[in-house]
Amino acid sequence: MYIITGATGNTGKRISENLLAAGQPVKVISRSAEKVADLVEKGAISAVGDLADADFLTQTFKGATAVYLMIPPKWDVSDWRAYQRTLINAFLKALKGSGVQKIVLLSSQGAHLLEGAGPVSGLAELEQALRSIEGLDVLSLRPGYFMENLYGSVGMIQQAGINGASLRGGIRFPMVHTRDIAAVATQRLLDLNFSGHSHEFIGGAADLNMKEVTAIVGKAIGKPELPYIEFSAADAKAGMENSGIQATIADGYVELFEALNSGIYQEGYKRTPEITTPTTMEWFVENELKHAFTK
């Protein structure tokens, strides 16, 4: 039995579908039975509850072959790190009380930084906390920047005619589609050939910078001169807050981007054929992102 947290999200849903297609028993966790009804139709078992409820998780995890573990984003919190710690504490109690032995964890590039990387430092904290459970084998997947994050730039591009962030335009970093993350996670869950505590980068098809990404987007939407503008940290935070993002989340992203700008975020990362995945930025923009501009 595979237990999938975040089963309605970009990675969790695909992993659930992949495992079901492989004939595996799958239990999907969600706060709403309705949201996982399509997975139940495909053969999944639904477990409705809150990831912050350690007792619920303990019962749900019992008998699991492995758990796909993640901290889902929550956009209405007043303290992002406190939210992450609440879930970390619930995970620890449930894992200790349920006897789970194998975890595939959705972490992130930059998760070697216990401080200074915004929400990714919360994932570093989770990686570290899982080491306290004796006999637990954990493979932490550390993907690069999600391509899907670019949906957050659609409004700016449409309304202001620019793309921008506090990221320096020339810094290259891995950008990965969530379907490729799901494919890697599915294979690791099926193989279960990891032990102890290890991590694996998922690098997407290429390392790109924001100027290159903006050029790809501009070409696809008929605006080949679309510029990328580097914002100050203060302006970036103000822009995010003006768009409705909570201050705690805006602060986290500013901190994360500063870690990328300084170079510390990518320490330990090196692109190899083994971590390179197939979906290109060009494919994503042409087949998915571009359609958001027609709405």
C-alpha atoms as a PDB file:
ATOM      1  CA  MET A   1       0.000   0.000   0.000  1.00  0.00           C
ATOM      2  CA  TYR A   2       1.369   3.369  -1.044  1.00  0.00           C
ATOM      3  CA  ILE A   3       0.240   6.459   0.866  1.00  0.00           C
ATOM      4  CA  ILE A   4       0.242   9.722  -1.072  1.00  0.00           C
ATOM      5  CA  THR A   5       0.137  13.091   0.675  1.00  0.00           C
ATOM      6  CA  GLY A   6      -0.706  16.117  -1.449  1.00  0.00           C
ATOM      7  CA  ALA A   7      -2.780  13.829  -3.673  1.00  0.00           C
ATOM      8  CA  THR A   8      -4.632  16.696  -5.339  1.00  0.00           C
ATOM      9  CA  GLY A   9      -1.441  18.569  -6.247  1.00  0.00           C
ATOM     10  CA  ASN A  10       0.712  18.599  -9.353  1.00  0.00           C
ATOM     11  CA  THR A  11       3.029  15.794  -8.220  1.00  0.00           C
ATOM     12  CA  GLY A  12       0.832  13.783  -5.859  1.00  0.00           C
ATOM     13  CA  LYS A  13      -2.013  13.317  -8.309  1.00  0.00           C
ATOM     14  CA  ARG A  14       0.302  12.158 -11.096  1.00  0.00           C
ATOM     15  CA  ILE A  15       2.144   9.783  -8.774  1.00  0.00           C
ATOM     16  CA  SER A  16      -1.170   8.309  -7.653  1.00  0.00           C
ATOM     17  CA  GLU A  17      -2.256   7.813 -11.263  1.00  0.00           C
ATOM     18  CA  ASN A  18       1.102   6.299 -12.202  1.00  0.00           C
ATOM     19  CA  LEU A  19       1.039   3.806  -9.330  1.00  0.00           C
ATOM     20  CA  LEU A  20      -2.563   2.837 -10.027  1.00  0.00           C
ATOM     21  CA  ALA A  21      -1.705   2.304 -13.699  1.00  0.00           C
ATOM     22  CA  ALA A  22       1.104  -0.001 -12.523  1.00  0.00           C
ATOM     23  CA  GLY A  23      -1.442  -2.072 -10.605  1.00  0.00           C
ATOM     24  CA  GLN A  24      -0.379  -0.910  -7.156  1.00  0.00           C
ATOM     25  CA  PRO A  25      -2.711  -0.253  -4.192  1.00  0.00           C
ATOM     26  CA  VAL A  26      -2.820   3.442  -3.383  1.00  0.00           C
ATOM     27  CA  LYS A  27      -4.319   5.446  -0.527  1.00  0.00           C
ATOM     28  CA  VAL A  28      -4.688   9.169  -1.199  1.00  0.00           C
ATOM     29  CA  ILE A  29      -4.888  11.777   1.546  1.00  0.00           C
ATOM     30  CA  SER A  30      -7.050  14.831   1.027  1.00  0.00           C
ATOM     31  CA  ARG A  31      -9.124  17.229   3.106  1.00  0.00           C
ATOM     32  CA  SER A  32     -12.008  16.656   0.695  1.00  0.00           C
ATOM     33  CA  ALA A  33     -13.322  13.352  -0.666  1.00  0.00           C
ATOM     34  CA  GLU A  34     -14.721  15.214  -3.653  1.00  0.00           C
ATOM     35  CA  LYS A  35     -11.288  16.404  -4.742  1.00  0.00           C
ATOM     36  CA  VAL A  36      -9.934  12.850  -5.016  1.00  0.00           C
ATOM     37  CA  ALA A  37     -13.112  11.293  -6.438  1.00  0.00           C
ATOM     38  CA  ASP A  38     -11.476  10.826  -9.843  1.00  0.00           C
ATOM     39  CA  LEU A  39      -8.595   8.907  -8.236  1.00  0.00           C
ATOM     40  CA  VAL A  40     -11.043   6.758  -6.280  1.00  0.00           C
ATOM     41  CA  GLU A  41     -12.784   5.946  -9.569  1.00  0.00           C
ATOM     42  CA  LYS A  42      -9.429   4.685 -10.834  1.00  0.00           C
ATOM     43  CA  GLY A  43      -9.028   2.422  -7.789  1.00  0.00           C
ATOM     44  CA  ALA A  44      -7.496   4.549  -5.046  1.00  0.00           C
ATOM     45  CA  ILE A  45      -8.625   4.439  -1.421  1.00  0.00           C
ATOM     46  CA  SER A  46      -9.562   7.828   0.000  1.00  0.00           C
ATOM     47  CA  ALA A  47      -8.364   8.984   3.419  1.00  0.00           C
ATOM     48  CA  VAL A  48     -10.016  12.272   4.334  1.00  0.00           C
ATOM     49  CA  GLY A  49      -8.305  14.296   7.007  1.00  0.00           C
ATOM     50  CA  ASP A  50      -5.849  17.045   7.922  1.00  0.00           C
ATOM     51  CA  LEU A  51      -2.085  16.645   7.586  1.00  0.00           C
ATOM     52  CA  ALA A  52      -1.711  18.506  10.870  1.00  0.00           C
ATOM     53  CA  ASP A  53      -3.686  15.749  12.656  1.00  0.00           C
ATOM     54  CA  ALA A  54      -1.056  13.317  13.930  1.00  0.00           C
ATOM     55  CA  ASP A  55      -3.622  10.750  15.092  1.00  0.00           C
ATOM     56  CA  PHE A  56      -5.291  10.695  11.677  1.00  0.00           C
ATOM     57  CA  LEU A  57      -1.933  10.308   9.969  1.00  0.00           C
ATOM     58  CA  THR A  58      -0.845   7.534  12.322  1.00  0.00           C
ATOM     59  CA  GLN A  59      -3.890   5.452  11.472  1.00  0.00           C
ATOM     60  CA  THR A  60      -3.609   6.236   7.770  1.00  0.00           C
ATOM     61  CA  PHE A  61       0.086   5.344   7.591  1.00  0.00           C
ATOM     62  CA  LYS A  62      -0.252   1.969   9.321  1.00  0.00           C
ATOM     63  CA  GLY A  63       0.525  -0.930   7.013  1.00  0.00           C
ATOM     64  CA  ALA A  64       2.044   1.292   4.324  1.00  0.00           C
ATOM     65  CA  THR A  65       4.785  -0.048   2.082  1.00  0.00           C
ATOM     66  CA  ALA A  66       5.964   3.530   1.572  1.00  0.00           C
ATOM     67  CA  VAL A  67       4.748   7.110   1.899  1.00  0.00           C
ATOM     68  CA  TYR A  68       5.153   9.939  -0.573  1.00  0.00           C
ATOM     69  CA  LEU A  69       5.555  12.832   1.835  1.00  0.00           C
ATOM     70  CA  MET A  70       5.281  16.540   1.126  1.00  0.00           C
ATOM     71  CA  ILE A  71       4.262  19.832   2.712  1.00  0.00           C
ATOM     72  CA  PRO A  72       1.547  21.276   0.475  1.00  0.00           C
ATOM     73  CA  PRO A  73       1.606  25.045  -0.095  1.00  0.00           C
ATOM     74  CA  LYS A  74      -0.893  26.989   1.978  1.00  0.00           C
ATOM     75  CA  TRP A  75      -1.393  30.519   0.761  1.00  0.00           C
ATOM     76  CA  ASP A  76      -3.451  31.971   3.638  1.00  0.00           C
ATOM     77  CA  VAL A  77      -1.063  31.402   6.553  1.00  0.00           C
ATOM     78  CA  SER A  78       0.237  34.253   8.703  1.00  0.00           C
ATOM     79  CA  ASP A  79       3.515  32.450   9.501  1.00  0.00           C
ATOM     80  CA  TRP A  80       4.785  30.094   6.793  1.00  0.00           C
ATOM     81  CA  ARG A  81       7.562  28.471   8.823  1.00  0.00           C
ATOM     82  CA  ALA A  82       5.198  27.894  11.753  1.00  0.00           C
ATOM     83  CA  TYR A  83       2.797  26.154   9.357  1.00  0.00           C
ATOM     84  CA  GLN A  84       5.632  23.976   8.085  1.00  0.00           C
ATOM     85  CA  ARG A  85       6.707  23.097  11.638  1.00  0.00           C
ATOM     86  CA  THR A  86       3.152  22.132  12.568  1.00  0.00           C
ATOM     87  CA  LEU A  87       3.129  19.580   9.764  1.00  0.00           C
ATOM     88  CA  ILE A  88       6.662  18.404  10.528  1.00  0.00           C
ATOM     89  CA  ASN A  89       5.671  17.638  14.109  1.00  0.00           C
ATOM     90  CA  ALA A  90       2.566  15.751  12.955  1.00  0.00           C
ATOM     91  CA  PHE A  91       4.635  13.772  10.429  1.00  0.00           C
ATOM     92  CA  LEU A  92       7.171  12.762  13.078  1.00  0.00           C
ATOM     93  CA  LYS A  93       4.527  11.562  15.523  1.00  0.00           C
ATOM     94  CA  ALA A  94       2.692   9.614  12.827  1.00  0.00           C
ATOM     95  CA  LEU A  95       5.794   7.986  11.411  1.00  0.00           C
ATOM     96  CA  LYS A  96       6.995   6.938  14.856  1.00  0.00           C
ATOM     97  CA  GLY A  97       3.567   5.553  15.710  1.00  0.00           C
ATOM     98  CA  SER A  98       2.807   3.733  12.467  1.00  0.00           C
ATOM     99  CA  GLY A  99       5.943   1.737  11.705  1.00  0.00           C
ATOM    100  CA  VAL A 100       6.495   3.166   8.213  1.00  0.00           C
ATOM    101  CA  GLN A 101       9.976   2.301   6.968  1.00  0.00           C
ATOM    102  CA  LYS A 102      10.248   3.949   3.542  1.00  0.00           C
ATOM    103  CA  ILE A 103       9.686   7.616   2.635  1.00  0.00           C
ATOM    104  CA  VAL A 104      10.071   9.397  -0.681  1.00  0.00           C
ATOM    105  CA  LEU A 105      10.079  13.073   0.281  1.00  0.00           C
ATOM    106  CA  LEU A 106       9.385  16.030  -1.973  1.00  0.00           C
ATOM    107  CA  SER A 107      12.109  18.426  -0.898  1.00  0.00           C
ATOM    108  CA  SER A 108      13.921  21.000  -3.052  1.00  0.00           C
ATOM    109  CA  GLN A 109      17.222  22.155  -4.384  1.00  0.00           C
ATOM    110  CA  GLY A 110      18.611  24.382  -1.639  1.00  0.00           C
ATOM    111  CA  ALA A 111      17.434  22.079   1.162  1.00  0.00           C
ATOM    112  CA  HIS A 112      20.932  22.001   2.619  1.00  0.00           C
ATOM    113  CA  LEU A 113      20.148  25.477   4.005  1.00  0.00           C
ATOM    114  CA  LEU A 114      18.448  25.264   7.393  1.00  0.00           C
ATOM    115  CA  GLU A 115      18.196  29.064   7.325  1.00  0.00           C
ATOM    116  CA  GLY A 116      18.249  31.688   4.616  1.00  0.00           C
ATOM    117  CA  ALA A 117      16.195  30.007   1.889  1.00  0.00           C
ATOM    118  CA  GLY A 118      12.628  30.912   2.829  1.00  0.00           C
ATOM    119  CA  PRO A 119      10.201  27.995   2.527  1.00  0.00           C
ATOM    120  CA  VAL A 120      12.980  25.707   1.318  1.00  0.00           C
ATOM    121  CA  SER A 121      14.645  26.038   4.709  1.00  0.00           C
ATOM    122  CA  GLY A 122      11.449  24.518   6.107  1.00  0.00           C
ATOM    123  CA  LEU A 123      12.053  21.531   3.849  1.00  0.00           C
ATOM    124  CA  ALA A 124      15.636  21.353   5.087  1.00  0.00           C
ATOM    125  CA  GLU A 125      14.205  21.254   8.601  1.00  0.00           C
ATOM    126  CA  LEU A 126      11.908  18.388   7.601  1.00  0.00           C
ATOM    127  CA  GLU A 127      14.797  16.439   6.050  1.00  0.00           C
ATOM    128  CA  GLN A 128      16.780  16.908   9.258  1.00  0.00           C
ATOM    129  CA  ALA A 129      13.843  15.988  11.515  1.00  0.00           C
ATOM    130  CA  LEU A 130      13.243  12.699   9.699  1.00  0.00           C
ATOM    131  CA  ARG A 131      16.766  11.621  10.646  1.00  0.00           C
ATOM    132  CA  SER A 132      15.611  11.388  14.254  1.00  0.00           C
ATOM    133  CA  ILE A 133      13.435   8.337  13.494  1.00  0.00           C
ATOM    134  CA  GLU A 134      15.445   5.186  13.947  1.00  0.00           C
ATOM    135  CA  GLY A 135      15.264   2.693  11.087  1.00  0.00           C
ATOM    136  CA  LEU A 136      13.482   5.047   8.674  1.00  0.00           C
ATOM    137  CA  ASP A 137      14.796   5.089   5.099  1.00  0.00           C
ATOM    138  CA  VAL A 138      14.297   8.452   3.401  1.00  0.00           C
ATOM    139  CA  LEU A 139      15.011   9.505  -0.167  1.00  0.00           C
ATOM    140  CA  SER A 140      14.681  13.280  -0.438  1.00  0.00           C
ATOM    141  CA  LEU A 141      13.967  14.476  -3.961  1.00  0.00           C
ATOM    142  CA  ARG A 142      15.448  17.921  -4.582  1.00  0.00           C
ATOM    143  CA  PRO A 143      13.970  19.297  -7.798  1.00  0.00           C
ATOM    144  CA  GLY A 144      14.814  22.658  -9.265  1.00  0.00           C
ATOM    145  CA  TYR A 145      12.448  25.573  -9.790  1.00  0.00           C
ATOM    146  CA  PHE A 146       8.995  24.436 -10.886  1.00  0.00           C
ATOM    147  CA  MET A 147       8.134  25.552 -14.411  1.00  0.00           C
ATOM    148  CA  GLU A 148       4.549  25.953 -13.235  1.00  0.00           C
ATOM    149  CA  ASN A 149       5.641  28.846 -10.995  1.00  0.00           C
ATOM    150  CA  LEU A 150       5.633  30.928 -14.182  1.00  0.00           C
ATOM    151  CA  TYR A 151       1.835  31.007 -14.103  1.00  0.00           C
ATOM    152  CA  GLY A 152       2.309  33.606 -11.382  1.00  0.00           C
ATOM    153  CA  SER A 153       3.877  35.949 -13.947  1.00  0.00           C
ATOM    154  CA  VAL A 154       1.016  35.840 -16.454  1.00  0.00           C
ATOM    155  CA  GLY A 155      -0.840  38.816 -14.972  1.00  0.00           C
ATOM    156  CA  MET A 156       2.287  40.982 -14.892  1.00  0.00           C
ATOM    157  CA  ILE A 157       3.139  40.121 -18.477  1.00  0.00           C
ATOM    158  CA  GLN A 158      -0.394  40.851 -19.665  1.00  0.00           C
ATOM    159  CA  GLN A 159      -0.930  44.037 -17.679  1.00  0.00           C
ATOM    160  CA  ALA A 160       2.531  45.607 -17.503  1.00  0.00           C
ATOM    161  CA  GLY A 161       4.169  44.129 -20.594  1.00  0.00           C
ATOM    162  CA  ILE A 162       7.159  42.897 -18.609  1.00  0.00           C
ATOM    163  CA  ASN A 163       8.343  39.855 -16.691  1.00  0.00           C
ATOM    164  CA  GLY A 164      10.226  40.528 -13.490  1.00  0.00           C
ATOM    165  CA  ALA A 165      11.354  39.359 -10.072  1.00  0.00           C
ATOM    166  CA  SER A 166      14.167  39.974  -7.609  1.00  0.00           C
ATOM    167  CA  LEU A 167      16.108  37.147  -9.265  1.00  0.00           C
ATOM    168  CA  ARG A 168      19.106  38.351 -11.229  1.00  0.00           C
ATOM    169  CA  GLY A 169      18.387  37.847 -14.883  1.00  0.00           C
ATOM    170  CA  GLY A 170      21.631  36.085 -15.755  1.00  0.00           C
ATOM    171  CA  ILE A 171      21.756  33.395 -13.068  1.00  0.00           C
ATOM    172  CA  ARG A 172      21.103  29.929 -14.462  1.00  0.00           C
ATOM    173  CA  PHE A 173      19.385  27.291 -12.352  1.00  0.00           C
ATOM    174  CA  PRO A 174      17.483  24.068 -13.053  1.00  0.00           C
ATOM    175  CA  MET A 175      13.832  24.388 -14.057  1.00  0.00           C
ATOM    176  CA  VAL A 176      11.697  21.270 -13.975  1.00  0.00           C
ATOM    177  CA  HIS A 177       8.146  20.285 -14.897  1.00  0.00           C
ATOM    178  CA  THR A 178       6.174  18.652 -12.094  1.00  0.00           C
ATOM    179  CA  ARG A 179       5.274  15.714 -14.330  1.00  0.00           C
ATOM    180  CA  ASP A 180       8.987  14.847 -14.481  1.00  0.00           C
ATOM    181  CA  ILE A 181       9.201  15.041 -10.692  1.00  0.00           C
ATOM    182  CA  ALA A 182       6.229  12.678 -10.493  1.00  0.00           C
ATOM    183  CA  ALA A 183       7.861  10.269 -12.927  1.00  0.00           C
ATOM    184  CA  VAL A 184      11.050  10.094 -10.849  1.00  0.00           C
ATOM    185  CA  ALA A 185       9.108   9.757  -7.595  1.00  0.00           C
ATOM    186  CA  THR A 186       6.960   6.975  -9.044  1.00  0.00           C
ATOM    187  CA  GLN A 187       9.997   4.982 -10.109  1.00  0.00           C
ATOM    188  CA  ARG A 188      11.691   5.382  -6.735  1.00  0.00           C
ATOM    189  CA  LEU A 189       8.497   4.255  -4.969  1.00  0.00           C
ATOM    190  CA  LEU A 190       8.237   1.200  -7.190  1.00  0.00           C
ATOM    191  CA  ASP A 191      11.911   0.298  -6.779  1.00  0.00           C
ATOM    192  CA  LEU A 192      12.300   1.129  -3.061  1.00  0.00           C
ATOM    193  CA  ASN A 193      16.001   0.392  -3.412  1.00  0.00           C
ATOM    194  CA  PHE A 194      17.211   3.185  -1.146  1.00  0.00           C
ATOM    195  CA  SER A 195      18.290   2.964   2.479  1.00  0.00           C
ATOM    196  CA  GLY A 196      19.374   5.379   5.147  1.00  0.00           C
ATOM    197  CA  HIS A 197      19.049   9.075   4.335  1.00  0.00           C
ATOM    198  CA  SER A 198      19.948  10.320   0.865  1.00  0.00           C
ATOM    199  CA  HIS A 199      18.939  12.997  -1.594  1.00  0.00           C
ATOM    200  CA  GLU A 200      18.595  13.146  -5.364  1.00  0.00           C
ATOM    201  CA  PHE A 201      18.461  16.255  -7.518  1.00  0.00           C
ATOM    202  CA  ILE A 202      15.893  16.513 -10.319  1.00  0.00           C
ATOM    203  CA  GLY A 203      17.241  18.977 -12.837  1.00  0.00           C
ATOM    204  CA  GLY A 204      14.735  19.337 -15.640  1.00  0.00           C
ATOM    205  CA  ALA A 205      15.977  19.462 -19.209  1.00  0.00           C
ATOM    206  CA  ALA A 206      18.342  22.429 -18.768  1.00  0.00           C
ATOM    207  CA  ASP A 207      19.627  25.154 -16.493  1.00  0.00           C
ATOM    208  CA  LEU A 208      18.133  28.457 -17.631  1.00  0.00           C
ATOM    209  CA  ASN A 209      18.127  32.066 -16.485  1.00  0.00           C
ATOM    210  CA  MET A 210      15.133  34.362 -16.313  1.00  0.00           C
ATOM    211  CA  LYS A 211      16.167  36.368 -19.360  1.00  0.00           C
ATOM    212  CA  GLU A 212      16.212  33.159 -21.416  1.00  0.00           C
ATOM    213  CA  VAL A 213      12.881  32.037 -19.968  1.00  0.00           C
ATOM    214  CA  THR A 214      11.305  35.414 -20.671  1.00  0.00           C
ATOM    215  CA  ALA A 215      12.513  35.235 -24.279  1.00  0.00           C
ATOM    216  CA  ILE A 216      10.922  31.790 -24.670  1.00  0.00           C
ATOM    217  CA  VAL A 217       7.637  33.083 -23.252  1.00  0.00           C
ATOM    218  CA  GLY A 218       7.731  36.248 -25.333  1.00  0.00           C
ATOM    219  CA  LYS A 219       8.275  34.325 -28.555  1.00  0.00           C
ATOM    220  CA  ALA A 220       5.400  31.966 -27.810  1.00  0.00           C
ATOM    221  CA  ILE A 221       2.885  34.749 -27.098  1.00  0.00           C
ATOM    222  CA  GLY A 222       3.891  36.989 -29.985  1.00  0.00           C
ATOM    223  CA  LYS A 223       5.917  39.469 -27.889  1.00  0.00           C
ATOM    224  CA  PRO A 224       9.518  38.673 -28.860  1.00  0.00           C
ATOM    225  CA  GLU A 225      10.820  41.871 -27.213  1.00  0.00           C
ATOM    226  CA  LEU A 226       9.273  41.041 -23.832  1.00  0.00           C
ATOM    227  CA  PRO A 227      11.806  42.303 -21.262  1.00  0.00           C
ATOM    228  CA  TYR A 228      12.877  40.798 -17.980  1.00  0.00           C
ATOM    229  CA  ILE A 229      13.223  43.415 -15.241  1.00  0.00           C
ATOM    230  CA  GLU A 230      15.225  42.874 -12.064  1.00  0.00           C
ATOM    231  CA  PHE A 231      13.300  44.233  -9.087  1.00  0.00           C
ATOM    232  CA  SER A 232      14.748  45.244  -5.756  1.00  0.00           C
ATOM    233  CA  ALA A 233      13.812  42.957  -2.880  1.00  0.00           C
ATOM    234  CA  ALA A 234      11.534  45.676  -1.449  1.00  0.00           C
ATOM    235  CA  ASP A 235       9.757  46.243  -4.755  1.00  0.00           C
ATOM    236  CA  ALA A 236       9.376  42.501  -5.330  1.00  0.00           C
ATOM    237  CA  LYS A 237       7.833  42.043  -1.902  1.00  0.00           C
ATOM    238  CA  ALA A 238       5.469  44.984  -2.402  1.00  0.00           C
ATOM    239  CA  GLY A 239       4.406  43.625  -5.782  1.00  0.00           C
ATOM    240  CA  MET A 240       3.634  40.203  -4.349  1.00  0.00           C
ATOM    241  CA  GLU A 241       1.661  41.682  -1.476  1.00  0.00           C
ATOM    242  CA  ASN A 242      -0.276  43.941  -3.841  1.00  0.00           C
ATOM    243  CA  SER A 243      -1.273  40.842  -5.818  1.00  0.00           C
ATOM    244  CA  GLY A 244      -2.744  39.285  -2.673  1.00  0.00           C
ATOM    245  CA  ILE A 245       0.152  37.146  -1.442  1.00  0.00           C
ATOM    246  CA  GLN A 246       0.571  37.039   2.337  1.00  0.00           C
ATOM    247  CA  ALA A 247       3.554  38.979   3.728  1.00  0.00           C
ATOM    248  CA  THR A 248       5.076  35.841   5.264  1.00  0.00           C
ATOM    249  CA  ILE A 249       5.064  34.114   1.870  1.00  0.00           C
ATOM    250  CA  ALA A 250       6.407  37.173   0.059  1.00  0.00           C
ATOM    251  CA  ASP A 251       9.236  37.402   2.595  1.00  0.00           C
ATOM    252  CA  GLY A 252       9.992  33.725   2.024  1.00  0.00           C
ATOM    253  CA  TYR A 253      10.262  34.087  -1.735  1.00  0.00           C
ATOM    254  CA  VAL A 254      12.445  37.182  -1.436  1.00  0.00           C
ATOM    255  CA  GLU A 255      14.771  35.262   0.885  1.00  0.00           C
ATOM    256  CA  LEU A 256      14.823  32.267  -1.461  1.00  0.00           C
ATOM    257  CA  PHE A 257      15.686  34.473  -4.452  1.00  0.00           C
ATOM    258  CA  GLU A 258      18.436  36.197  -2.476  1.00  0.00           C
ATOM    259  CA  ALA A 259      19.921  32.765  -1.753  1.00  0.00           C
ATOM    260  CA  LEU A 260      19.852  32.013  -5.483  1.00  0.00           C
ATOM    261  CA  ASN A 261      21.405  35.371  -6.293  1.00  0.00           C
ATOM    262  CA  SER A 262      24.240  34.811  -3.816  1.00  0.00           C
ATOM    263  CA  GLY A 263      25.044  31.323  -5.102  1.00  0.00           C
ATOM    264  CA  ILE A 264      24.562  29.498  -1.806  1.00  0.00           C
ATOM    265  CA  TYR A 265      21.275  27.974  -2.945  1.00  0.00           C
ATOM    266  CA  GLN A 266      22.951  25.813  -5.587  1.00  0.00           C
ATOM    267  CA  GLU A 267      25.856  24.547  -3.500  1.00  0.00           C
ATOM    268  CA  GLY A 268      26.297  20.812  -4.077  1.00  0.00           C
ATOM    269  CA  TYR A 269      24.273  20.807  -7.297  1.00  0.00           C
ATOM    270  CA  LYS A 270      25.830  19.642 -10.567  1.00  0.00           C
ATOM    271  CA  ARG A 271      23.959  18.707 -13.720  1.00  0.00           C
ATOM    272  CA  THR A 272      24.516  15.139 -14.878  1.00  0.00           C
ATOM    273  CA  PRO A 273      22.669  12.937 -17.373  1.00  0.00           C
ATOM    274  CA  GLU A 274      21.207  10.996 -14.456  1.00  0.00           C
ATOM    275  CA  ILE A 275      19.327  14.004 -13.037  1.00  0.00           C
ATOM    276  CA  THR A 276      18.322  15.478 -16.408  1.00  0.00           C
ATOM    277  CA  THR A 277      14.641  14.995 -17.232  1.00  0.00           C
ATOM    278  CA  PRO A 278      12.881  15.289 -20.596  1.00  0.00           C
ATOM    279  CA  THR A 279      10.372  18.146 -20.457  1.00  0.00           C
ATOM    280  CA  THR A 280      11.832  21.358 -21.895  1.00  0.00           C
ATOM    281  CA  MET A 281      10.837  24.911 -21.079  1.00  0.00           C
ATOM    282  CA  GLU A 282       9.906  25.399 -24.731  1.00  0.00           C
ATOM    283  CA  TRP A 283       7.469  22.467 -24.564  1.00  0.00           C
ATOM    284  CA  PHE A 284       5.922  23.724 -21.334  1.00  0.00           C
ATOM    285  CA  VAL A 285       5.432  27.262 -22.615  1.00  0.00           C
ATOM    286  CA  GLU A 286       4.062  26.188 -25.995  1.00  0.00           C
ATOM    287  CA  ASN A 287       1.749  23.446 -24.744  1.00  0.00           C
ATOM    288  CA  GLU A 288       0.647  24.725 -21.337  1.00  0.00           C
ATOM    289  CA  LEU A 289       1.667  28.212 -20.200  1.00  0.00           C
ATOM    290  CA  LYS A 290       0.788  29.939 -23.473  1.00  0.00           C
ATOM    291  CA  HIS A 291      -2.882  29.042 -23.093  1.00  0.00           C
ATOM    292  CA  ALA A 292      -3.116  31.021 -19.833  1.00  0.00           C
ATOM    293  CA  PHE A 293      -2.662  34.205 -21.877  1.00  0.00           C
ATOM    294  CA  THR A 294      -5.852  33.640 -23.845  1.00  0.00           C
ATOM    295  CA  LYS A 295      -8.094  33.724 -20.780  1.00  0.00           C
END
